[in-house]
Amino acid sequence: MKIDKRQTLVVFLTSLTLILHSIVTPGRAYAGDLNVQGFKVSWSDPLYKPNSISRFAFNYSNGTGGRLLNAIIIISDKYGQILARDSVVGVNAGVSGTWNLQISATTFEGKVEPFEIKLSIKDYNENTRELTGRVNFLPIPNSAVSASPAPTASISAQATPVPTVTVTAKPDPGPTVYVTNPADIVLQDLVSSLKSQVSLLEKRLKKICATRPKPRGC
């Protein structure tokens, strides 16, 4: 089988480019909205800490004009302790969706405010862009509603007063929190596959360049 040496070199250089170190550009944004070169994330501000488990919606849209390898969102406290994270892989231009982050009341235990949200996007050239903002979690307001006793009738026999009724609203329990992110496994498999391809191409290139006369481009 005849091997096109020029095509092999092009594939080899392209594979090497995919595993180069990323270029990171940190930044800041206002709470409620993050925008990294057209990739936008928005959420309600403020959010409220759950009594049990709650789901928080973070809407995203890819307005970068190109397809992204992945986009990752991470919420952490002052010392970097993670409350929640999620990601999406292979984001086409113009695509929008929602990250529904599930956080339990126990997750906030031991966490120190202020809470930060970080958005990270990566393109197919392994270039990474990041932006960090503030996300506000407040205690749920007191929702107790009290009913006063009804007035007694003016009759000879005194009527028994109606007892006070207190109604406390409680949020519905949410679904179980999953710590393991399936997208992380997909990324690990992608990196392993690329490393294997690069190793194979290096061996082929050495074999091609070892022939006499030496091919052009070696």
N, C-alpha and C. Protein backbone atom coordinates (compact mmCIF):
# COMPACT_ATOMS: atom_id res chain seq x y z
N MET A 1 0.85 -1.20 0.00
CA MET A 1 0.00 0.00 0.00
C MET A 1 0.89 1.25 0.00
N LYS A 2 0.70 2.16 -0.95
CA LYS A 2 1.51 3.37 -1.04
C LYS A 2 1.02 4.40 -0.04
N ILE A 3 1.95 4.97 0.71
CA ILE A 3 1.61 5.95 1.75
C ILE A 3 1.92 7.35 1.25
N ASP A 4 0.95 8.24 1.33
CA ASP A 4 1.14 9.64 0.97
C ASP A 4 1.88 10.32 2.12
N LYS A 5 3.18 10.57 1.91
CA LYS A 5 4.03 11.09 2.99
C LYS A 5 3.60 12.49 3.41
N ARG A 6 3.22 13.32 2.44
CA ARG A 6 2.81 14.68 2.79
C ARG A 6 1.55 14.68 3.64
N GLN A 7 0.58 13.82 3.27
CA GLN A 7 -0.67 13.74 4.04
C GLN A 7 -0.40 13.22 5.45
N THR A 8 0.53 12.25 5.56
CA THR A 8 0.88 11.71 6.88
C THR A 8 1.47 12.79 7.78
N LEU A 9 2.33 13.65 7.21
CA LEU A 9 2.93 14.73 7.99
C LEU A 9 1.88 15.73 8.45
N VAL A 10 0.91 16.03 7.59
CA VAL A 10 -0.14 16.98 7.95
C VAL A 10 -0.96 16.45 9.10
N VAL A 11 -1.34 15.16 9.04
CA VAL A 11 -2.13 14.55 10.11
C VAL A 11 -1.35 14.55 11.41
N PHE A 12 -0.04 14.28 11.31
CA PHE A 12 0.80 14.24 12.50
C PHE A 12 0.87 15.61 13.18
N LEU A 13 1.08 16.66 12.39
CA LEU A 13 1.17 18.00 12.95
C LEU A 13 -0.16 18.46 13.53
N THR A 14 -1.26 18.06 12.89
CA THR A 14 -2.59 18.42 13.40
C THR A 14 -2.85 17.76 14.75
N SER A 15 -2.46 16.50 14.88
CA SER A 15 -2.65 15.79 16.14
C SER A 15 -1.82 16.40 17.26
N LEU A 16 -0.59 16.82 16.91
CA LEU A 16 0.24 17.47 17.92
C LEU A 16 -0.39 18.77 18.40
N THR A 17 -1.01 19.51 17.50
CA THR A 17 -1.64 20.78 17.86
C THR A 17 -2.77 20.57 18.85
N LEU A 18 -3.51 19.47 18.72
CA LEU A 18 -4.66 19.20 19.58
C LEU A 18 -4.27 18.94 21.02
N ILE A 19 -3.00 18.57 21.27
CA ILE A 19 -2.61 18.26 22.65
C ILE A 19 -1.66 19.31 23.23
N LEU A 20 -1.55 20.46 22.57
CA LEU A 20 -0.73 21.54 23.12
C LEU A 20 -1.39 22.10 24.37
N HIS A 21 -0.60 22.76 25.21
CA HIS A 21 -1.15 23.37 26.42
C HIS A 21 -2.13 24.47 26.04
N SER A 22 -3.19 24.60 26.84
CA SER A 22 -4.24 25.58 26.55
C SER A 22 -3.77 26.98 26.93
N ILE A 23 -4.40 27.96 26.28
CA ILE A 23 -4.14 29.36 26.58
C ILE A 23 -5.28 29.85 27.45
N VAL A 24 -4.99 30.24 28.69
CA VAL A 24 -6.02 30.60 29.66
C VAL A 24 -6.09 32.11 29.82
N THR A 25 -7.32 32.65 29.75
CA THR A 25 -7.53 34.08 29.93
C THR A 25 -8.55 34.29 31.02
N PRO A 26 -8.14 34.56 32.30
CA PRO A 26 -9.08 34.74 33.39
C PRO A 26 -9.75 36.11 33.32
N GLY A 27 -10.88 36.28 34.07
CA GLY A 27 -11.57 37.55 34.07
C GLY A 27 -12.64 37.60 35.14
N ARG A 28 -13.42 38.68 35.15
CA ARG A 28 -14.48 38.88 36.13
C ARG A 28 -15.75 39.32 35.42
N ALA A 29 -16.90 39.06 36.05
CA ALA A 29 -18.18 39.49 35.49
C ALA A 29 -19.16 39.72 36.62
N TYR A 30 -20.28 40.39 36.31
CA TYR A 30 -21.29 40.65 37.31
C TYR A 30 -22.13 39.40 37.57
N ALA A 31 -22.68 39.32 38.80
CA ALA A 31 -23.51 38.18 39.17
C ALA A 31 -24.76 38.15 38.30
N GLY A 32 -25.23 36.93 37.98
CA GLY A 32 -26.42 36.77 37.16
C GLY A 32 -26.11 36.57 35.70
N ASP A 33 -24.88 36.84 35.27
CA ASP A 33 -24.54 36.73 33.85
C ASP A 33 -23.04 36.57 33.66
N LEU A 34 -22.66 35.63 32.78
CA LEU A 34 -21.26 35.46 32.37
C LEU A 34 -21.23 35.37 30.85
N ASN A 35 -20.23 36.00 30.24
CA ASN A 35 -20.10 36.00 28.79
C ASN A 35 -18.63 35.83 28.42
N VAL A 36 -18.29 34.66 27.87
CA VAL A 36 -16.91 34.37 27.45
C VAL A 36 -16.87 34.32 25.93
N GLN A 37 -16.46 35.43 25.31
CA GLN A 37 -16.32 35.54 23.85
C GLN A 37 -17.59 35.10 23.12
N GLY A 38 -18.75 35.42 23.67
CA GLY A 38 -20.02 35.10 23.02
C GLY A 38 -20.73 33.90 23.60
N PHE A 39 -20.04 33.09 24.42
CA PHE A 39 -20.70 31.98 25.10
C PHE A 39 -21.27 32.54 26.41
N LYS A 40 -22.62 32.57 26.52
CA LYS A 40 -23.27 33.24 27.64
C LYS A 40 -23.93 32.24 28.60
N VAL A 41 -23.86 32.57 29.88
CA VAL A 41 -24.56 31.82 30.92
C VAL A 41 -25.30 32.83 31.80
N SER A 42 -26.57 32.55 32.11
CA SER A 42 -27.36 33.45 32.94
C SER A 42 -28.16 32.64 33.95
N TRP A 43 -28.50 33.27 35.09
CA TRP A 43 -29.25 32.60 36.14
C TRP A 43 -29.99 33.65 36.96
N SER A 44 -30.95 33.21 37.77
CA SER A 44 -31.70 34.12 38.64
C SER A 44 -30.80 34.57 39.79
N ASP A 45 -30.94 35.84 40.14
CA ASP A 45 -30.11 36.39 41.21
C ASP A 45 -30.99 37.22 42.14
N PRO A 46 -31.03 36.90 43.46
CA PRO A 46 -30.20 35.86 44.10
C PRO A 46 -30.87 34.49 44.02
N LEU A 47 -30.11 33.45 44.42
CA LEU A 47 -30.62 32.10 44.60
C LEU A 47 -30.80 31.86 46.10
N TYR A 48 -31.55 30.81 46.45
CA TYR A 48 -31.83 30.55 47.86
C TYR A 48 -31.33 29.16 48.27
N LYS A 49 -30.70 29.11 49.43
CA LYS A 49 -30.17 27.85 49.93
C LYS A 49 -31.32 26.88 50.22
N PRO A 50 -31.19 25.63 49.79
CA PRO A 50 -32.29 24.67 49.98
C PRO A 50 -32.37 24.16 51.41
N ASN A 51 -33.59 23.73 51.80
CA ASN A 51 -33.77 23.05 53.09
C ASN A 51 -33.39 21.58 52.98
N SER A 52 -33.51 21.02 51.78
CA SER A 52 -33.12 19.62 51.56
C SER A 52 -32.24 19.55 50.32
N ILE A 53 -32.85 19.31 49.14
CA ILE A 53 -32.12 19.29 47.87
C ILE A 53 -32.91 20.11 46.86
N SER A 54 -32.26 20.99 46.17
CA SER A 54 -32.92 21.82 45.16
C SER A 54 -32.14 21.81 43.86
N ARG A 55 -32.83 22.15 42.78
CA ARG A 55 -32.22 22.22 41.46
C ARG A 55 -32.17 23.69 41.03
N PHE A 56 -31.00 24.13 40.57
CA PHE A 56 -30.79 25.51 40.16
C PHE A 56 -30.48 25.56 38.67
N ALA A 57 -31.22 26.37 37.93
CA ALA A 57 -31.09 26.43 36.47
C ALA A 57 -30.08 27.51 36.05
N PHE A 58 -29.14 27.11 35.20
CA PHE A 58 -28.17 28.02 34.61
C PHE A 58 -28.26 27.85 33.09
N ASN A 59 -28.80 28.86 32.42
CA ASN A 59 -29.03 28.79 30.98
C ASN A 59 -27.78 29.22 30.21
N TYR A 60 -27.46 28.47 29.14
CA TYR A 60 -26.28 28.81 28.34
C TYR A 60 -26.64 28.87 26.85
N SER A 61 -25.84 29.61 26.09
CA SER A 61 -26.01 29.69 24.63
C SER A 61 -24.65 29.96 24.01
N ASN A 62 -24.37 29.27 22.90
CA ASN A 62 -23.08 29.40 22.22
C ASN A 62 -23.19 30.42 21.09
N GLY A 63 -22.76 31.65 21.37
CA GLY A 63 -22.75 32.70 20.36
C GLY A 63 -21.35 33.04 19.89
N THR A 64 -20.41 32.09 20.05
CA THR A 64 -19.02 32.34 19.64
C THR A 64 -18.85 32.30 18.13
N GLY A 65 -19.82 31.70 17.43
CA GLY A 65 -19.71 31.58 15.98
C GLY A 65 -18.99 30.32 15.54
N GLY A 66 -18.58 29.46 16.47
CA GLY A 66 -17.90 28.21 16.12
C GLY A 66 -18.27 27.09 17.06
N ARG A 67 -17.90 25.87 16.69
CA ARG A 67 -18.17 24.70 17.52
C ARG A 67 -17.11 24.60 18.62
N LEU A 68 -17.56 24.31 19.84
CA LEU A 68 -16.66 24.20 20.98
C LEU A 68 -16.47 22.74 21.38
N LEU A 69 -15.26 22.42 21.83
CA LEU A 69 -14.98 21.07 22.31
C LEU A 69 -15.77 20.79 23.58
N ASN A 70 -15.78 21.77 24.52
CA ASN A 70 -16.57 21.62 25.74
C ASN A 70 -16.76 22.97 26.41
N ALA A 71 -17.71 22.99 27.33
CA ALA A 71 -17.97 24.15 28.19
C ALA A 71 -18.24 23.61 29.59
N ILE A 72 -17.63 24.24 30.60
CA ILE A 72 -17.71 23.73 31.97
C ILE A 72 -18.11 24.88 32.90
N ILE A 73 -18.99 24.56 33.86
CA ILE A 73 -19.40 25.54 34.87
C ILE A 73 -19.10 24.94 36.24
N ILE A 74 -18.51 25.75 37.14
CA ILE A 74 -18.14 25.30 38.48
C ILE A 74 -18.55 26.37 39.49
N ILE A 75 -19.22 25.94 40.57
CA ILE A 75 -19.59 26.84 41.66
C ILE A 75 -18.80 26.40 42.90
N SER A 76 -18.09 27.35 43.51
CA SER A 76 -17.25 27.03 44.66
C SER A 76 -17.34 28.15 45.69
N ASP A 77 -16.79 27.87 46.90
CA ASP A 77 -16.81 28.89 47.94
C ASP A 77 -15.52 29.70 47.91
N LYS A 78 -15.31 30.50 48.93
CA LYS A 78 -14.17 31.42 49.00
C LYS A 78 -12.84 30.70 48.89
N TYR A 79 -12.76 29.46 49.40
CA TYR A 79 -11.51 28.71 49.41
C TYR A 79 -11.44 27.64 48.32
N GLY A 80 -12.33 27.73 47.34
CA GLY A 80 -12.28 26.81 46.21
C GLY A 80 -12.96 25.48 46.43
N GLN A 81 -13.68 25.31 47.55
CA GLN A 81 -14.42 24.08 47.79
C GLN A 81 -15.65 24.05 46.87
N ILE A 82 -15.78 23.00 46.08
CA ILE A 82 -16.81 22.94 45.04
C ILE A 82 -18.17 22.57 45.62
N LEU A 83 -19.19 23.38 45.26
CA LEU A 83 -20.57 23.09 45.61
C LEU A 83 -21.25 22.26 44.51
N ALA A 84 -20.97 22.62 43.25
CA ALA A 84 -21.57 21.91 42.12
C ALA A 84 -20.79 22.23 40.85
N ARG A 85 -20.90 21.34 39.87
CA ARG A 85 -20.28 21.56 38.56
C ARG A 85 -21.03 20.76 37.51
N ASP A 86 -20.91 21.20 36.25
CA ASP A 86 -21.52 20.48 35.14
C ASP A 86 -20.79 20.89 33.87
N SER A 87 -21.01 20.15 32.79
CA SER A 87 -20.33 20.47 31.54
C SER A 87 -21.14 19.94 30.37
N VAL A 88 -20.79 20.41 29.19
CA VAL A 88 -21.39 19.92 27.95
C VAL A 88 -20.27 19.76 26.93
N VAL A 89 -20.33 18.69 26.12
CA VAL A 89 -19.27 18.36 25.16
C VAL A 89 -19.80 18.50 23.73
N GLY A 90 -18.97 19.07 22.87
CA GLY A 90 -19.35 19.20 21.46
C GLY A 90 -20.50 20.18 21.27
N VAL A 91 -20.26 21.48 21.53
CA VAL A 91 -21.32 22.49 21.48
C VAL A 91 -21.28 23.21 20.13
N ASN A 92 -22.28 22.98 19.29
CA ASN A 92 -22.33 23.65 18.00
C ASN A 92 -22.66 25.13 18.15
N ALA A 93 -22.29 25.91 17.16
CA ALA A 93 -22.59 27.35 17.16
C ALA A 93 -24.10 27.56 17.17
N GLY A 94 -24.58 28.48 18.00
CA GLY A 94 -26.00 28.79 18.07
C GLY A 94 -26.80 27.89 18.99
N VAL A 95 -26.18 26.86 19.54
CA VAL A 95 -26.89 25.93 20.42
C VAL A 95 -27.08 26.54 21.80
N SER A 96 -28.25 26.32 22.40
CA SER A 96 -28.53 26.79 23.75
C SER A 96 -29.08 25.64 24.58
N GLY A 97 -28.99 25.75 25.89
CA GLY A 97 -29.49 24.70 26.79
C GLY A 97 -29.48 25.18 28.23
N THR A 98 -29.65 24.24 29.14
CA THR A 98 -29.72 24.58 30.56
C THR A 98 -28.95 23.56 31.38
N TRP A 99 -28.11 24.05 32.28
CA TRP A 99 -27.49 23.21 33.29
C TRP A 99 -28.38 23.27 34.53
N ASN A 100 -28.89 22.13 34.97
CA ASN A 100 -29.69 22.05 36.18
C ASN A 100 -28.81 21.48 37.30
N LEU A 101 -28.20 22.39 38.07
CA LEU A 101 -27.28 21.97 39.12
C LEU A 101 -28.06 21.61 40.38
N GLN A 102 -27.85 20.41 40.88
CA GLN A 102 -28.55 19.94 42.07
C GLN A 102 -27.63 20.09 43.29
N ILE A 103 -28.11 20.85 44.27
CA ILE A 103 -27.31 21.13 45.47
C ILE A 103 -28.16 20.85 46.70
N SER A 104 -27.59 20.15 47.67
CA SER A 104 -28.30 19.82 48.91
C SER A 104 -27.93 20.80 50.01
N ALA A 105 -28.75 20.82 51.06
CA ALA A 105 -28.48 21.71 52.20
C ALA A 105 -27.16 21.36 52.87
N THR A 106 -26.83 20.07 52.92
CA THR A 106 -25.60 19.64 53.58
C THR A 106 -24.35 20.09 52.79
N THR A 107 -24.52 20.35 51.48
CA THR A 107 -23.39 20.79 50.67
C THR A 107 -22.86 22.14 51.16
N PHE A 108 -23.74 22.98 51.71
CA PHE A 108 -23.33 24.30 52.18
C PHE A 108 -22.62 24.26 53.54
N GLU A 109 -22.70 23.12 54.21
CA GLU A 109 -22.07 23.02 55.53
C GLU A 109 -20.55 23.10 55.39
N GLY A 110 -19.94 24.00 56.15
CA GLY A 110 -18.49 24.17 56.10
C GLY A 110 -18.01 25.02 54.95
N LYS A 111 -18.92 25.50 54.10
CA LYS A 111 -18.53 26.36 52.97
C LYS A 111 -18.58 27.82 53.40
N VAL A 112 -17.62 28.60 52.90
CA VAL A 112 -17.47 30.00 53.31
C VAL A 112 -17.81 30.93 52.15
N GLU A 113 -18.68 31.91 52.41
CA GLU A 113 -19.01 32.90 51.41
C GLU A 113 -17.85 33.89 51.24
N PRO A 114 -17.73 34.59 50.12
CA PRO A 114 -18.67 34.61 48.99
C PRO A 114 -18.51 33.39 48.08
N PHE A 115 -19.60 33.06 47.36
CA PHE A 115 -19.58 31.95 46.43
C PHE A 115 -19.27 32.47 45.03
N GLU A 116 -18.45 31.72 44.30
CA GLU A 116 -18.04 32.13 42.96
C GLU A 116 -18.51 31.12 41.92
N ILE A 117 -18.73 31.62 40.71
CA ILE A 117 -19.09 30.77 39.59
C ILE A 117 -18.06 30.99 38.48
N LYS A 118 -17.51 29.90 37.95
CA LYS A 118 -16.50 29.99 36.90
C LYS A 118 -16.99 29.29 35.65
N LEU A 119 -16.90 29.98 34.51
CA LEU A 119 -17.27 29.42 33.22
C LEU A 119 -16.00 29.24 32.41
N SER A 120 -15.82 28.05 31.84
CA SER A 120 -14.64 27.73 31.04
C SER A 120 -15.08 27.11 29.72
N ILE A 121 -14.56 27.62 28.61
CA ILE A 121 -14.86 27.04 27.29
C ILE A 121 -13.55 26.66 26.61
N LYS A 122 -13.60 25.61 25.78
CA LYS A 122 -12.41 25.14 25.06
C LYS A 122 -12.79 24.83 23.62
N ASP A 123 -11.99 25.33 22.66
CA ASP A 123 -12.26 25.05 21.26
C ASP A 123 -11.46 23.83 20.81
N TYR A 124 -11.57 23.48 19.52
CA TYR A 124 -10.92 22.27 19.02
C TYR A 124 -9.44 22.46 18.75
N ASN A 125 -8.91 23.66 19.00
CA ASN A 125 -7.46 23.88 18.98
C ASN A 125 -6.88 23.85 20.37
N GLU A 126 -7.70 23.37 21.34
CA GLU A 126 -7.29 23.26 22.74
C GLU A 126 -7.07 24.63 23.40
N ASN A 127 -7.60 25.70 22.81
CA ASN A 127 -7.54 27.01 23.43
C ASN A 127 -8.66 27.15 24.45
N THR A 128 -8.32 27.57 25.67
CA THR A 128 -9.29 27.67 26.76
C THR A 128 -9.47 29.12 27.17
N ARG A 129 -10.71 29.51 27.42
CA ARG A 129 -11.03 30.84 27.94
C ARG A 129 -11.87 30.65 29.20
N GLU A 130 -11.60 31.47 30.24
CA GLU A 130 -12.31 31.37 31.51
C GLU A 130 -12.80 32.73 31.98
N LEU A 131 -13.88 32.71 32.76
CA LEU A 131 -14.41 33.93 33.34
C LEU A 131 -15.03 33.57 34.69
N THR A 132 -14.79 34.41 35.70
CA THR A 132 -15.29 34.15 37.05
C THR A 132 -16.18 35.29 37.50
N GLY A 133 -17.28 34.94 38.18
CA GLY A 133 -18.21 35.95 38.70
C GLY A 133 -18.71 35.54 40.08
N ARG A 134 -19.65 36.30 40.60
CA ARG A 134 -20.22 36.06 41.93
C ARG A 134 -21.62 35.48 41.78
N VAL A 135 -21.94 34.47 42.60
CA VAL A 135 -23.29 33.93 42.66
C VAL A 135 -23.76 34.02 44.10
N ASN A 136 -24.94 34.56 44.32
CA ASN A 136 -25.45 34.83 45.67
C ASN A 136 -26.47 33.78 46.09
N PHE A 137 -26.21 33.12 47.21
CA PHE A 137 -27.14 32.17 47.83
C PHE A 137 -27.60 32.76 49.16
N LEU A 138 -28.91 32.99 49.29
CA LEU A 138 -29.47 33.56 50.51
C LEU A 138 -30.33 32.54 51.24
N PRO A 139 -30.52 32.69 52.55
CA PRO A 139 -31.44 31.81 53.28
C PRO A 139 -32.86 32.00 52.76
N ILE A 140 -33.64 30.93 52.79
CA ILE A 140 -35.04 31.02 52.36
C ILE A 140 -35.81 31.90 53.35
N PRO A 141 -36.57 32.90 52.85
CA PRO A 141 -37.33 33.78 53.75
C PRO A 141 -38.34 33.00 54.58
N ASN A 142 -38.66 33.52 55.77
CA ASN A 142 -39.64 32.90 56.64
C ASN A 142 -41.01 32.93 55.97
N SER A 143 -41.58 31.76 55.68
CA SER A 143 -42.84 31.69 54.96
C SER A 143 -43.99 31.24 55.85
N ALA A 144 -43.81 31.34 57.18
CA ALA A 144 -44.90 30.93 58.08
C ALA A 144 -46.06 31.91 58.00
N VAL A 145 -47.30 31.38 57.92
CA VAL A 145 -48.51 32.19 57.85
C VAL A 145 -49.39 31.84 59.03
N SER A 146 -49.72 32.85 59.84
CA SER A 146 -50.54 32.61 61.04
C SER A 146 -51.93 33.17 60.85
N ALA A 147 -52.94 32.41 61.35
CA ALA A 147 -54.34 32.86 61.31
C ALA A 147 -54.77 33.23 62.71
N SER A 148 -55.35 34.42 62.85
CA SER A 148 -55.79 34.90 64.17
C SER A 148 -57.09 34.21 64.57
N PRO A 149 -57.36 34.08 65.91
CA PRO A 149 -58.62 33.46 66.34
C PRO A 149 -59.82 34.28 65.89
N ALA A 150 -60.93 33.58 65.56
CA ALA A 150 -62.15 34.27 65.18
C ALA A 150 -62.77 34.94 66.40
N PRO A 151 -63.41 36.12 66.23
CA PRO A 151 -64.02 36.81 67.39
C PRO A 151 -65.17 36.00 67.96
N THR A 152 -65.33 36.05 69.31
CA THR A 152 -66.41 35.31 69.96
C THR A 152 -67.71 36.07 69.84
N ALA A 153 -68.82 35.31 69.81
CA ALA A 153 -70.15 35.93 69.69
C ALA A 153 -70.57 36.51 71.02
N SER A 154 -71.37 37.59 70.98
CA SER A 154 -71.84 38.24 72.20
C SER A 154 -73.12 37.58 72.66
N ILE A 155 -72.97 36.42 73.35
CA ILE A 155 -74.10 35.66 73.87
C ILE A 155 -73.82 35.33 75.32
N SER A 156 -74.85 34.83 75.99
CA SER A 156 -74.70 34.54 77.41
C SER A 156 -73.65 33.48 77.67
N ALA A 157 -73.61 32.48 76.83
CA ALA A 157 -72.61 31.41 76.98
C ALA A 157 -71.39 31.77 76.14
N GLN A 158 -70.20 31.87 76.74
CA GLN A 158 -68.99 32.27 76.04
C GLN A 158 -68.53 31.18 75.07
N ALA A 159 -68.28 31.57 73.85
CA ALA A 159 -67.84 30.60 72.83
C ALA A 159 -66.35 30.30 72.98
N THR A 160 -65.96 29.08 72.61
CA THR A 160 -64.54 28.68 72.67
C THR A 160 -63.77 29.31 71.51
N PRO A 161 -62.67 30.01 71.79
CA PRO A 161 -61.93 30.66 70.70
C PRO A 161 -61.33 29.64 69.74
N VAL A 162 -61.25 30.04 68.47
CA VAL A 162 -60.67 29.18 67.44
C VAL A 162 -59.15 29.17 67.60
N PRO A 163 -58.52 28.01 67.63
CA PRO A 163 -57.06 27.95 67.83
C PRO A 163 -56.30 28.56 66.66
N THR A 164 -55.08 29.06 66.96
CA THR A 164 -54.21 29.62 65.92
C THR A 164 -53.67 28.50 65.02
N VAL A 165 -53.67 28.78 63.71
CA VAL A 165 -53.19 27.80 62.72
C VAL A 165 -51.92 28.35 62.09
N THR A 166 -50.86 27.57 62.12
CA THR A 166 -49.57 27.97 61.52
C THR A 166 -49.25 27.04 60.36
N VAL A 167 -49.01 27.63 59.21
CA VAL A 167 -48.70 26.85 58.01
C VAL A 167 -47.27 27.18 57.59
N THR A 168 -46.45 26.17 57.51
CA THR A 168 -45.05 26.37 57.10
C THR A 168 -44.82 25.72 55.75
N ALA A 169 -44.36 26.50 54.78
CA ALA A 169 -44.09 25.98 53.44
C ALA A 169 -42.73 25.33 53.41
N LYS A 170 -42.66 24.16 52.84
CA LYS A 170 -41.39 23.45 52.70
C LYS A 170 -41.17 23.09 51.23
N PRO A 171 -39.98 23.23 50.73
CA PRO A 171 -39.73 22.87 49.32
C PRO A 171 -39.78 21.36 49.13
N ASP A 172 -40.25 20.98 47.94
CA ASP A 172 -40.27 19.54 47.62
C ASP A 172 -38.86 19.00 47.54
N PRO A 173 -38.65 17.80 48.03
CA PRO A 173 -37.30 17.22 47.91
C PRO A 173 -36.91 17.03 46.46
N GLY A 174 -35.71 17.36 46.12
CA GLY A 174 -35.23 17.21 44.75
C GLY A 174 -34.57 15.86 44.55
N PRO A 175 -34.11 15.61 43.34
CA PRO A 175 -33.45 14.33 43.05
C PRO A 175 -32.09 14.23 43.71
N THR A 176 -31.55 13.05 43.73
CA THR A 176 -30.24 12.79 44.34
C THR A 176 -29.14 13.47 43.56
N VAL A 177 -28.14 14.01 44.26
CA VAL A 177 -27.00 14.67 43.62
C VAL A 177 -26.01 13.63 43.14
N TYR A 178 -25.60 13.77 41.89
CA TYR A 178 -24.59 12.87 41.33
C TYR A 178 -23.25 13.60 41.32
N VAL A 179 -22.26 13.05 42.02
CA VAL A 179 -20.95 13.70 42.13
C VAL A 179 -20.14 13.48 40.87
N THR A 180 -20.21 12.29 40.31
CA THR A 180 -19.42 11.97 39.12
C THR A 180 -20.05 12.59 37.88
N ASN A 181 -19.29 13.31 37.12
CA ASN A 181 -19.77 13.96 35.90
C ASN A 181 -19.42 13.07 34.69
N PRO A 182 -20.43 12.55 33.94
CA PRO A 182 -20.14 11.69 32.78
C PRO A 182 -19.28 12.38 31.73
N ALA A 183 -19.40 13.71 31.64
CA ALA A 183 -18.61 14.42 30.62
C ALA A 183 -17.12 14.31 30.88
N ASP A 184 -16.73 14.21 32.17
CA ASP A 184 -15.30 14.08 32.49
C ASP A 184 -14.73 12.80 31.90
N ILE A 185 -15.52 11.71 31.92
CA ILE A 185 -15.06 10.43 31.36
C ILE A 185 -14.87 10.55 29.86
N VAL A 186 -15.79 11.28 29.19
CA VAL A 186 -15.69 11.46 27.74
C VAL A 186 -14.41 12.20 27.39
N LEU A 187 -14.07 13.23 28.18
CA LEU A 187 -12.86 14.00 27.91
C LEU A 187 -11.60 13.17 28.14
N GLN A 188 -11.62 12.34 29.18
CA GLN A 188 -10.47 11.48 29.45
C GLN A 188 -10.24 10.50 28.30
N ASP A 189 -11.35 9.93 27.78
CA ASP A 189 -11.24 8.99 26.66
C ASP A 189 -10.70 9.71 25.42
N LEU A 190 -11.13 10.97 25.20
CA LEU A 190 -10.68 11.73 24.05
C LEU A 190 -9.17 11.99 24.11
N VAL A 191 -8.68 12.38 25.30
CA VAL A 191 -7.26 12.65 25.47
C VAL A 191 -6.43 11.38 25.26
N SER A 192 -6.91 10.25 25.83
CA SER A 192 -6.19 8.98 25.67
C SER A 192 -6.12 8.57 24.21
N SER A 193 -7.23 8.77 23.47
CA SER A 193 -7.25 8.42 22.05
C SER A 193 -6.27 9.26 21.25
N LEU A 194 -6.21 10.57 21.55
CA LEU A 194 -5.31 11.46 20.82
C LEU A 194 -3.84 11.10 21.08
N LYS A 195 -3.52 10.78 22.36
CA LYS A 195 -2.15 10.40 22.68
C LYS A 195 -1.74 9.14 21.94
N SER A 196 -2.68 8.18 21.83
CA SER A 196 -2.39 6.93 21.13
C SER A 196 -2.14 7.19 19.65
N GLN A 197 -2.95 8.09 19.03
CA GLN A 197 -2.79 8.41 17.61
C GLN A 197 -1.45 9.10 17.34
N VAL A 198 -1.07 10.02 18.24
CA VAL A 198 0.19 10.73 18.07
C VAL A 198 1.38 9.77 18.14
N SER A 199 1.32 8.83 19.10
CA SER A 199 2.39 7.86 19.24
C SER A 199 2.53 7.00 17.99
N LEU A 200 1.38 6.58 17.43
CA LEU A 200 1.40 5.76 16.22
C LEU A 200 1.96 6.54 15.04
N LEU A 201 1.58 7.81 14.91
CA LEU A 201 2.06 8.63 13.80
C LEU A 201 3.56 8.90 13.90
N GLU A 202 4.05 9.06 15.12
CA GLU A 202 5.49 9.26 15.30
C GLU A 202 6.28 8.06 14.79
N LYS A 203 5.78 6.86 15.11
CA LYS A 203 6.46 5.65 14.65
C LYS A 203 6.44 5.56 13.12
N ARG A 204 5.29 5.90 12.51
CA ARG A 204 5.19 5.84 11.05
C ARG A 204 6.12 6.85 10.39
N LEU A 205 6.21 8.06 11.00
CA LEU A 205 7.05 9.11 10.43
C LEU A 205 8.53 8.70 10.47
N LYS A 206 8.96 8.10 11.59
CA LYS A 206 10.35 7.65 11.69
C LYS A 206 10.67 6.58 10.64
N LYS A 207 9.69 5.70 10.40
CA LYS A 207 9.89 4.62 9.42
C LYS A 207 9.99 5.20 8.01
N ILE A 208 9.15 6.20 7.72
CA ILE A 208 9.14 6.82 6.38
C ILE A 208 10.46 7.56 6.14
N CYS A 209 10.91 8.32 7.15
CA CYS A 209 12.12 9.12 7.00
C CYS A 209 13.40 8.28 7.00
N ALA A 210 13.29 7.02 7.40
CA ALA A 210 14.45 6.14 7.43
C ALA A 210 14.75 5.54 6.06
N THR A 211 13.82 5.69 5.10
CA THR A 211 14.02 5.11 3.76
C THR A 211 15.02 5.95 2.96
N ARG A 212 15.61 5.36 1.96
CA ARG A 212 16.57 6.03 1.08
C ARG A 212 16.06 5.90 -0.37
N PRO A 213 16.03 7.01 -1.14
CA PRO A 213 16.42 8.35 -0.66
C PRO A 213 15.38 8.90 0.33
N LYS A 214 15.83 9.82 1.22
CA LYS A 214 14.97 10.36 2.27
C LYS A 214 13.85 11.18 1.62
N PRO A 215 12.60 10.93 1.99
CA PRO A 215 11.46 11.65 1.39
C PRO A 215 11.55 13.13 1.70
N ARG A 216 10.97 13.90 0.83
CA ARG A 216 10.94 15.35 1.00
C ARG A 216 10.08 15.72 2.22
N GLY A 217 10.59 16.61 3.05
CA GLY A 217 9.86 17.04 4.24
C GLY A 217 10.38 16.39 5.53
N CYS A 218 11.26 15.38 5.41
CA CYS A 218 11.80 14.73 6.62
C CYS A 218 12.97 15.57 7.17
